[in-house]
Amino acid sequence: MTPFGLVVAAFAAWQAVEVWHHGSIFARWRAAVQAWPGEGVRGRLGELLTCPFCLSVWAGTAAAAAVALDHWAAWVGVSGLAASRLANLANDLTHGVCRTPRAGVPPTGGPPAPNTAITPTETTSDDTAEHTPLA
């Protein structure tokens, strides 16, 4: 495996663990796994899936194996996860300086943003009539 492949696999594993632990798409599955009893195979699997450190070992192994396959389909999946993690990391690192401000919410460390909220209006067929805000 090349150093580039290792870095891609690491970012892919990081993203896979983050999506499992924080993604709303897996919320129901996480809740079900957390309810598993602590004994036997199910309990051990539950421990693995609820521990980010433990899961990262196996996610990293799977990502490294996918990169080692050197097949285009494996690269698409691993690269997609890695690109997503890099985008999230860039967002986290630049959050305070390059976020698009929401209407009426001041950006971090600056003056309040202008009110850019759009007020729905009611129109009439007469182009010269004034617009009346809806209640």
N, C-alpha and C. Protein backbone atom coordinates (compact mmCIF):
# COMPACT_ATOMS: atom_id res chain seq x y z
N MET A 1 0.86 -1.18 0.00
CA MET A 1 0.00 0.00 0.00
C MET A 1 0.90 1.23 0.00
N THR A 2 0.52 2.20 -0.80
CA THR A 2 1.28 3.44 -0.89
C THR A 2 0.94 4.35 0.30
N PRO A 3 1.80 5.32 0.60
CA PRO A 3 1.46 6.28 1.65
C PRO A 3 0.15 7.02 1.35
N PHE A 4 -0.09 7.35 0.09
CA PHE A 4 -1.34 8.00 -0.30
C PHE A 4 -2.53 7.10 0.03
N GLY A 5 -2.44 5.81 -0.30
CA GLY A 5 -3.51 4.87 0.00
C GLY A 5 -3.78 4.77 1.49
N LEU A 6 -2.70 4.79 2.27
CA LEU A 6 -2.84 4.72 3.73
C LEU A 6 -3.57 5.95 4.26
N VAL A 7 -3.24 7.13 3.75
CA VAL A 7 -3.89 8.36 4.19
C VAL A 7 -5.37 8.34 3.79
N VAL A 8 -5.66 7.92 2.58
CA VAL A 8 -7.05 7.83 2.13
C VAL A 8 -7.82 6.85 3.00
N ALA A 9 -7.23 5.70 3.30
CA ALA A 9 -7.89 4.70 4.14
C ALA A 9 -8.13 5.26 5.55
N ALA A 10 -7.17 6.02 6.08
CA ALA A 10 -7.33 6.58 7.42
C ALA A 10 -8.49 7.58 7.46
N PHE A 11 -8.56 8.47 6.47
CA PHE A 11 -9.66 9.42 6.44
C PHE A 11 -11.00 8.72 6.23
N ALA A 12 -11.01 7.68 5.42
CA ALA A 12 -12.25 6.93 5.17
C ALA A 12 -12.72 6.23 6.45
N ALA A 13 -11.79 5.63 7.18
CA ALA A 13 -12.15 4.97 8.43
C ALA A 13 -12.67 5.99 9.44
N TRP A 14 -12.03 7.13 9.53
CA TRP A 14 -12.45 8.20 10.44
C TRP A 14 -13.88 8.61 10.12
N GLN A 15 -14.17 8.81 8.83
CA GLN A 15 -15.51 9.23 8.43
C GLN A 15 -16.54 8.12 8.71
N ALA A 16 -16.20 6.88 8.43
CA ALA A 16 -17.13 5.78 8.67
C ALA A 16 -17.51 5.71 10.15
N VAL A 17 -16.53 5.86 11.03
CA VAL A 17 -16.80 5.84 12.48
C VAL A 17 -17.64 7.04 12.87
N GLU A 18 -17.33 8.22 12.34
CA GLU A 18 -18.11 9.43 12.65
C GLU A 18 -19.57 9.30 12.19
N VAL A 19 -19.76 8.78 10.99
CA VAL A 19 -21.13 8.62 10.48
C VAL A 19 -21.90 7.63 11.34
N TRP A 20 -21.27 6.54 11.73
CA TRP A 20 -21.95 5.56 12.58
C TRP A 20 -22.32 6.18 13.93
N HIS A 21 -21.38 6.90 14.53
CA HIS A 21 -21.61 7.41 15.88
C HIS A 21 -22.43 8.69 15.96
N HIS A 22 -22.47 9.48 14.88
CA HIS A 22 -23.15 10.77 14.96
C HIS A 22 -24.21 10.98 13.89
N GLY A 23 -24.25 10.16 12.87
CA GLY A 23 -25.19 10.36 11.78
C GLY A 23 -26.62 9.98 12.16
N SER A 24 -27.55 10.84 11.78
CA SER A 24 -28.95 10.55 12.09
C SER A 24 -29.46 9.34 11.32
N ILE A 25 -28.82 9.00 10.22
CA ILE A 25 -29.25 7.87 9.41
C ILE A 25 -29.11 6.54 10.19
N PHE A 26 -28.18 6.49 11.13
CA PHE A 26 -27.96 5.27 11.91
C PHE A 26 -28.50 5.37 13.35
N ALA A 27 -29.25 6.39 13.67
CA ALA A 27 -29.72 6.59 15.03
C ALA A 27 -30.53 5.40 15.55
N ARG A 28 -31.43 4.88 14.74
CA ARG A 28 -32.23 3.73 15.19
C ARG A 28 -31.37 2.51 15.43
N TRP A 29 -30.43 2.27 14.54
CA TRP A 29 -29.55 1.11 14.71
C TRP A 29 -28.68 1.26 15.95
N ARG A 30 -28.15 2.48 16.18
CA ARG A 30 -27.34 2.70 17.38
C ARG A 30 -28.15 2.43 18.64
N ALA A 31 -29.39 2.93 18.66
CA ALA A 31 -30.25 2.71 19.84
C ALA A 31 -30.49 1.23 20.05
N ALA A 32 -30.72 0.49 18.99
CA ALA A 32 -30.95 -0.95 19.10
C ALA A 32 -29.70 -1.66 19.62
N VAL A 33 -28.54 -1.27 19.12
CA VAL A 33 -27.29 -1.90 19.55
C VAL A 33 -27.02 -1.60 21.02
N GLN A 34 -27.30 -0.38 21.45
CA GLN A 34 -27.06 -0.01 22.85
C GLN A 34 -27.97 -0.78 23.80
N ALA A 35 -29.09 -1.28 23.30
CA ALA A 35 -30.02 -2.03 24.14
C ALA A 35 -29.65 -3.52 24.23
N TRP A 36 -28.67 -3.96 23.45
CA TRP A 36 -28.28 -5.37 23.49
C TRP A 36 -27.71 -5.72 24.86
N PRO A 37 -27.96 -6.94 25.33
CA PRO A 37 -27.41 -7.36 26.63
C PRO A 37 -25.89 -7.46 26.55
N GLY A 38 -25.23 -7.35 27.71
CA GLY A 38 -23.78 -7.35 27.77
C GLY A 38 -23.13 -8.71 27.72
N GLU A 39 -23.91 -9.78 27.60
CA GLU A 39 -23.35 -11.14 27.60
C GLU A 39 -23.31 -11.72 26.19
N GLY A 40 -22.37 -12.59 25.94
CA GLY A 40 -22.33 -13.35 24.70
C GLY A 40 -21.84 -12.54 23.50
N VAL A 41 -22.05 -13.13 22.34
CA VAL A 41 -21.57 -12.54 21.09
C VAL A 41 -22.24 -11.19 20.83
N ARG A 42 -23.54 -11.13 21.04
CA ARG A 42 -24.26 -9.87 20.82
C ARG A 42 -23.74 -8.76 21.72
N GLY A 43 -23.46 -9.09 22.95
CA GLY A 43 -22.93 -8.10 23.89
C GLY A 43 -21.56 -7.60 23.47
N ARG A 44 -20.71 -8.51 23.03
CA ARG A 44 -19.36 -8.13 22.57
C ARG A 44 -19.44 -7.27 21.30
N LEU A 45 -20.33 -7.65 20.39
CA LEU A 45 -20.52 -6.87 19.17
C LEU A 45 -21.08 -5.49 19.52
N GLY A 46 -21.98 -5.45 20.48
CA GLY A 46 -22.52 -4.16 20.93
C GLY A 46 -21.44 -3.27 21.51
N GLU A 47 -20.53 -3.85 22.29
CA GLU A 47 -19.40 -3.08 22.83
C GLU A 47 -18.54 -2.52 21.70
N LEU A 48 -18.28 -3.35 20.70
CA LEU A 48 -17.47 -2.92 19.57
C LEU A 48 -18.12 -1.75 18.84
N LEU A 49 -19.43 -1.84 18.62
CA LEU A 49 -20.12 -0.82 17.84
C LEU A 49 -20.40 0.47 18.60
N THR A 50 -20.33 0.43 19.92
CA THR A 50 -20.58 1.65 20.70
C THR A 50 -19.29 2.32 21.18
N CYS A 51 -18.16 1.72 20.90
CA CYS A 51 -16.86 2.28 21.29
C CYS A 51 -16.16 2.79 20.02
N PRO A 52 -16.06 4.12 19.85
CA PRO A 52 -15.41 4.64 18.64
C PRO A 52 -13.97 4.17 18.48
N PHE A 53 -13.24 4.08 19.57
CA PHE A 53 -11.86 3.61 19.50
C PHE A 53 -11.81 2.17 18.99
N CYS A 54 -12.67 1.31 19.53
CA CYS A 54 -12.70 -0.10 19.12
C CYS A 54 -13.13 -0.24 17.66
N LEU A 55 -14.16 0.49 17.29
CA LEU A 55 -14.68 0.40 15.93
C LEU A 55 -13.68 0.94 14.91
N SER A 56 -12.88 1.94 15.31
CA SER A 56 -11.92 2.51 14.36
C SER A 56 -10.88 1.48 13.90
N VAL A 57 -10.55 0.53 14.76
CA VAL A 57 -9.60 -0.52 14.36
C VAL A 57 -10.16 -1.31 13.19
N TRP A 58 -11.41 -1.71 13.30
CA TRP A 58 -12.01 -2.54 12.26
C TRP A 58 -12.41 -1.73 11.03
N ALA A 59 -12.81 -0.49 11.23
CA ALA A 59 -13.11 0.37 10.08
C ALA A 59 -11.82 0.66 9.31
N GLY A 60 -10.73 0.88 10.03
CA GLY A 60 -9.44 1.10 9.38
C GLY A 60 -8.96 -0.13 8.64
N THR A 61 -9.17 -1.30 9.24
CA THR A 61 -8.79 -2.55 8.57
C THR A 61 -9.58 -2.74 7.29
N ALA A 62 -10.89 -2.48 7.35
CA ALA A 62 -11.73 -2.63 6.17
C ALA A 62 -11.34 -1.62 5.09
N ALA A 63 -11.07 -0.36 5.48
CA ALA A 63 -10.68 0.66 4.51
C ALA A 63 -9.33 0.33 3.89
N ALA A 64 -8.38 -0.13 4.70
CA ALA A 64 -7.07 -0.51 4.17
C ALA A 64 -7.18 -1.70 3.23
N ALA A 65 -8.03 -2.65 3.57
CA ALA A 65 -8.24 -3.81 2.69
C ALA A 65 -8.86 -3.37 1.36
N ALA A 66 -9.80 -2.44 1.43
CA ALA A 66 -10.43 -1.94 0.20
C ALA A 66 -9.40 -1.24 -0.69
N VAL A 67 -8.52 -0.45 -0.08
CA VAL A 67 -7.47 0.23 -0.85
C VAL A 67 -6.49 -0.79 -1.42
N ALA A 68 -6.16 -1.80 -0.62
CA ALA A 68 -5.22 -2.82 -1.08
C ALA A 68 -5.77 -3.62 -2.25
N LEU A 69 -7.10 -3.74 -2.34
CA LEU A 69 -7.71 -4.44 -3.48
C LEU A 69 -7.37 -3.74 -4.79
N ASP A 70 -7.19 -2.42 -4.70
CA ASP A 70 -6.85 -1.60 -5.86
C ASP A 70 -7.83 -1.80 -7.02
N HIS A 71 -9.10 -1.89 -6.67
CA HIS A 71 -10.17 -2.02 -7.67
C HIS A 71 -10.91 -0.68 -7.69
N TRP A 72 -11.36 -0.27 -8.85
CA TRP A 72 -12.01 1.04 -8.97
C TRP A 72 -13.20 1.18 -8.04
N ALA A 73 -14.01 0.12 -7.88
CA ALA A 73 -15.20 0.21 -7.02
C ALA A 73 -14.80 0.43 -5.55
N ALA A 74 -13.75 -0.24 -5.12
CA ALA A 74 -13.28 -0.05 -3.75
C ALA A 74 -12.76 1.37 -3.57
N TRP A 75 -12.05 1.89 -4.56
CA TRP A 75 -11.52 3.24 -4.48
C TRP A 75 -12.64 4.28 -4.46
N VAL A 76 -13.72 4.03 -5.19
CA VAL A 76 -14.84 4.97 -5.18
C VAL A 76 -15.42 5.09 -3.78
N GLY A 77 -15.68 3.96 -3.14
CA GLY A 77 -16.25 3.99 -1.79
C GLY A 77 -15.32 4.62 -0.77
N VAL A 78 -14.06 4.21 -0.79
CA VAL A 78 -13.10 4.72 0.19
C VAL A 78 -12.81 6.19 -0.07
N SER A 79 -12.67 6.56 -1.34
CA SER A 79 -12.39 7.96 -1.67
C SER A 79 -13.57 8.86 -1.31
N GLY A 80 -14.78 8.36 -1.49
CA GLY A 80 -15.96 9.15 -1.12
C GLY A 80 -15.99 9.44 0.37
N LEU A 81 -15.72 8.43 1.17
CA LEU A 81 -15.67 8.64 2.62
C LEU A 81 -14.54 9.60 3.00
N ALA A 82 -13.37 9.41 2.39
CA ALA A 82 -12.22 10.26 2.71
C ALA A 82 -12.48 11.71 2.30
N ALA A 83 -13.06 11.92 1.13
CA ALA A 83 -13.35 13.28 0.68
C ALA A 83 -14.36 13.95 1.61
N SER A 84 -15.34 13.20 2.06
CA SER A 84 -16.33 13.73 2.99
C SER A 84 -15.68 14.12 4.31
N ARG A 85 -14.78 13.29 4.81
CA ARG A 85 -14.09 13.60 6.07
C ARG A 85 -13.23 14.84 5.91
N LEU A 86 -12.52 14.96 4.78
CA LEU A 86 -11.68 16.14 4.56
C LEU A 86 -12.54 17.40 4.48
N ALA A 87 -13.69 17.32 3.82
CA ALA A 87 -14.58 18.48 3.74
C ALA A 87 -15.09 18.87 5.13
N ASN A 88 -15.46 17.88 5.94
CA ASN A 88 -15.92 18.17 7.30
C ASN A 88 -14.80 18.75 8.15
N LEU A 89 -13.60 18.23 7.98
CA LEU A 89 -12.45 18.74 8.72
C LEU A 89 -12.16 20.19 8.33
N ALA A 90 -12.20 20.48 7.04
CA ALA A 90 -11.98 21.86 6.58
C ALA A 90 -13.05 22.78 7.14
N ASN A 91 -14.29 22.32 7.16
CA ASN A 91 -15.37 23.13 7.74
C ASN A 91 -15.13 23.39 9.22
N ASP A 92 -14.72 22.36 9.95
CA ASP A 92 -14.44 22.53 11.38
C ASP A 92 -13.30 23.52 11.62
N LEU A 93 -12.25 23.44 10.80
CA LEU A 93 -11.09 24.29 11.00
C LEU A 93 -11.33 25.74 10.60
N THR A 94 -12.24 25.96 9.67
CA THR A 94 -12.47 27.32 9.17
C THR A 94 -13.84 27.87 9.57
N HIS A 95 -14.47 27.24 10.51
CA HIS A 95 -15.83 27.59 10.91
C HIS A 95 -15.99 29.07 11.24
N GLY A 96 -15.07 29.63 11.97
CA GLY A 96 -15.20 31.00 12.42
C GLY A 96 -14.92 32.06 11.36
N VAL A 97 -14.30 31.68 10.25
CA VAL A 97 -13.91 32.69 9.27
C VAL A 97 -14.63 32.59 7.94
N CYS A 98 -15.25 31.50 7.64
CA CYS A 98 -15.85 31.41 6.30
C CYS A 98 -17.24 30.79 6.28
N ARG A 99 -17.98 30.98 7.33
CA ARG A 99 -19.36 30.52 7.35
C ARG A 99 -20.25 31.58 6.73
N THR A 100 -21.24 31.16 5.97
CA THR A 100 -22.22 32.09 5.42
C THR A 100 -23.18 32.45 6.55
N PRO A 101 -23.29 33.75 6.88
CA PRO A 101 -24.16 34.12 8.01
C PRO A 101 -25.63 33.92 7.66
N ARG A 102 -26.38 33.51 8.66
CA ARG A 102 -27.83 33.41 8.50
C ARG A 102 -28.44 34.77 8.73
N ALA A 103 -29.60 34.98 8.19
CA ALA A 103 -30.28 36.27 8.32
C ALA A 103 -30.50 36.60 9.80
N GLY A 104 -30.03 37.77 10.20
CA GLY A 104 -30.26 38.23 11.56
C GLY A 104 -29.34 37.63 12.60
N VAL A 105 -28.46 36.69 12.22
CA VAL A 105 -27.55 36.07 13.17
C VAL A 105 -26.17 36.63 12.90
N PRO A 106 -25.55 37.29 13.89
CA PRO A 106 -24.24 37.88 13.64
C PRO A 106 -23.18 36.80 13.44
N PRO A 107 -22.28 37.00 12.48
CA PRO A 107 -21.18 36.06 12.33
C PRO A 107 -20.27 36.15 13.54
N THR A 108 -19.49 35.13 13.77
CA THR A 108 -18.59 35.09 14.91
C THR A 108 -17.60 36.24 14.84
N GLY A 109 -17.57 37.04 15.88
CA GLY A 109 -16.59 38.11 15.99
C GLY A 109 -16.83 39.32 15.12
N GLY A 110 -18.00 39.51 14.58
CA GLY A 110 -18.23 40.65 13.72
C GLY A 110 -19.53 41.35 14.06
N PRO A 111 -19.85 42.40 13.30
CA PRO A 111 -21.10 43.12 13.53
C PRO A 111 -22.29 42.27 13.11
N PRO A 112 -23.49 42.62 13.56
CA PRO A 112 -24.67 41.85 13.18
C PRO A 112 -24.87 41.87 11.67
N ALA A 113 -25.35 40.74 11.14
CA ALA A 113 -25.62 40.64 9.71
C ALA A 113 -26.86 41.46 9.38
N PRO A 114 -26.91 42.03 8.18
CA PRO A 114 -28.11 42.78 7.81
C PRO A 114 -29.30 41.84 7.72
N ASN A 115 -30.48 42.39 7.96
CA ASN A 115 -31.68 41.56 7.91
C ASN A 115 -31.99 41.28 6.44
N THR A 116 -31.76 40.04 6.05
CA THR A 116 -32.00 39.65 4.66
C THR A 116 -33.19 38.72 4.55
N ALA A 117 -33.97 38.66 5.62
CA ALA A 117 -35.14 37.78 5.60
C ALA A 117 -36.15 38.29 4.57
N ILE A 118 -36.72 37.39 3.84
CA ILE A 118 -37.71 37.74 2.82
C ILE A 118 -39.09 37.65 3.45
N THR A 119 -39.83 38.73 3.35
CA THR A 119 -41.19 38.76 3.87
C THR A 119 -42.14 38.45 2.73
N PRO A 120 -42.97 37.41 2.87
CA PRO A 120 -43.92 37.10 1.80
C PRO A 120 -44.88 38.28 1.60
N THR A 121 -45.21 38.53 0.38
CA THR A 121 -46.12 39.64 0.10
C THR A 121 -47.29 39.15 -0.74
N GLU A 122 -48.36 39.90 -0.65
CA GLU A 122 -49.55 39.60 -1.41
C GLU A 122 -49.62 40.63 -2.54
N THR A 123 -49.88 40.19 -3.75
CA THR A 123 -49.94 41.12 -4.87
C THR A 123 -51.35 41.15 -5.44
N THR A 124 -51.61 42.23 -6.12
CA THR A 124 -52.89 42.36 -6.82
C THR A 124 -52.62 42.38 -8.31
N SER A 125 -53.64 42.35 -9.09
CA SER A 125 -53.46 42.37 -10.54
C SER A 125 -53.00 43.73 -11.03
N ASP A 126 -53.19 44.77 -10.23
CA ASP A 126 -52.78 46.11 -10.60
C ASP A 126 -51.31 46.30 -10.27
N ASP A 127 -50.46 46.54 -11.27
CA ASP A 127 -49.03 46.68 -11.06
C ASP A 127 -48.69 47.89 -10.21
N THR A 128 -49.56 48.88 -10.16
CA THR A 128 -49.26 50.09 -9.40
C THR A 128 -49.68 49.98 -7.94
N ALA A 129 -50.41 48.94 -7.58
CA ALA A 129 -50.87 48.78 -6.20
C ALA A 129 -49.70 48.45 -5.29
N GLU A 130 -49.79 48.87 -4.05
CA GLU A 130 -48.75 48.56 -3.08
C GLU A 130 -48.86 47.12 -2.63
N HIS A 131 -47.74 46.58 -2.26
CA HIS A 131 -47.72 45.19 -1.76
C HIS A 131 -48.01 45.20 -0.26
N THR A 132 -48.86 44.31 0.17
CA THR A 132 -49.24 44.21 1.57
C THR A 132 -48.65 42.95 2.15
N PRO A 133 -47.86 43.05 3.24
CA PRO A 133 -47.32 41.84 3.86
C PRO A 133 -48.44 40.93 4.35
N LEU A 134 -48.22 39.63 4.19
CA LEU A 134 -49.21 38.66 4.69
C LEU A 134 -49.10 38.56 6.19
N ALA A 135 -50.20 38.28 6.85
CA ALA A 135 -50.17 38.14 8.31
C ALA A 135 -50.01 36.71 8.69
